[in-house]
Amino acid sequence: MKTRRTVLAALASLAALGVLTACGSGDAALDAAKPEAKKAANGINLSPEQNRVHTPKVDALAAKLPEAVRKRGTLILGVSATSNPPLAFHATDDKTLIGVEVDLATLVADALGLKPEFNPVSWENLFVGLDSGKYDAVFSNVTVTEERKDKYDFATYRLDDLAFEAKKGSGWTVKGPEDVAGKAIAVGSGTNQEKILVDWSAQNEKAGRKPVDIKYYQNTSDYYLALQSGRIDGYLGPNPVAAYHVLSAGQTEIVGKFSGAGAGLQGKIAATTKKDSGLVAAYAAAIDHIVENGTYAQVLKRWGLDSESVTKSEINPPGLPRTKN
């Protein structure tokens, strides 16, 4: 296996060439990574001492916050405790949360004059926390969907792509539903990629082809063991995580990439808050501000995700279509 130093150097090189593409739907429950090196090549820091990019408070942005939040002085954030690099993961001390999601949330909090307070929990508990009012927002690779818009407000901050990962040398390319007909494909339960795969399977059956044999596992390591043993043909997950794994393990390859919102619509990753909480306009304005002042670009470049950038935050844009019954 390649060292993490080699992996991150390669990631940085790929990003510079525009090969590392945008992030996936990011809803999958993934094992937390445990970086081995304190500092990787090309300045990618994996230690607890992150030297994060910061930005000054903007009073006009802070004025957009509900008074209770502004007076409290903290932004209480939910983030998935089970994400993989470069999204949100643990530093070398196995305690400190680092990654692109943490950095961007910190910038938003800075611009609003608030101290970020991160709460790492399981994927499903992110939404439980939002529903109960425990969290002001979730920055955890959440894709905008039409169903989620019924309960939550969104302020977009990254693009969203998915990737099919297969055993190295598979000779397989995925361009559409017909390419996964009869194949055993693993996917995270309750994720947007699962919705897309279920829809593709239905399309195959309607066309007289075999359905997709959808498989579920508890941990990311289980997915990859199944892939290497031949029990599954592929794994559909967030593209940045897949790209990272391809380089780190050297045993798999990306055989297809797609928008996290399905055909005909570019998926968007967004800051997520309880509907009508009064916070989404402040988040969108803060995101626009960090885009304009360049700190946003610095964070994406730091994590090799330049190609996921947006030029403006959108509030509740069109999302992944509703699941058809």
Foldseek 3Di string as FASTA:
>chain_A
DDAVLQLQVVLLVCLVVVNQAFKALQLFQAAADAHDDQAHPPGQGQALPHPADEDAEDAVLLVLADPVQSVVQAAEEEEAARDYPQQWHHGNVRPHIHHLLVRLVRHLCRHNRHHYDYDHDHSVVRVVCQVVVVGQWYSYSHWFAPVVVVWKKWWFWWWHKKFKKAWPPPPAADDALVSQFVFEEEEGPPTLVVLQLQVSQVVQVVVVTHGHNYDYDDYPVVVVVCRVVVVGGIYMGIRNVSSSCCSPVVGMDTRYMDASQDPPDTITGTIIHTPPPSCNVSSQVSSLVCLVVVSSCVSCSSRSHNNTGDNGIDMNDHGRYDRDD
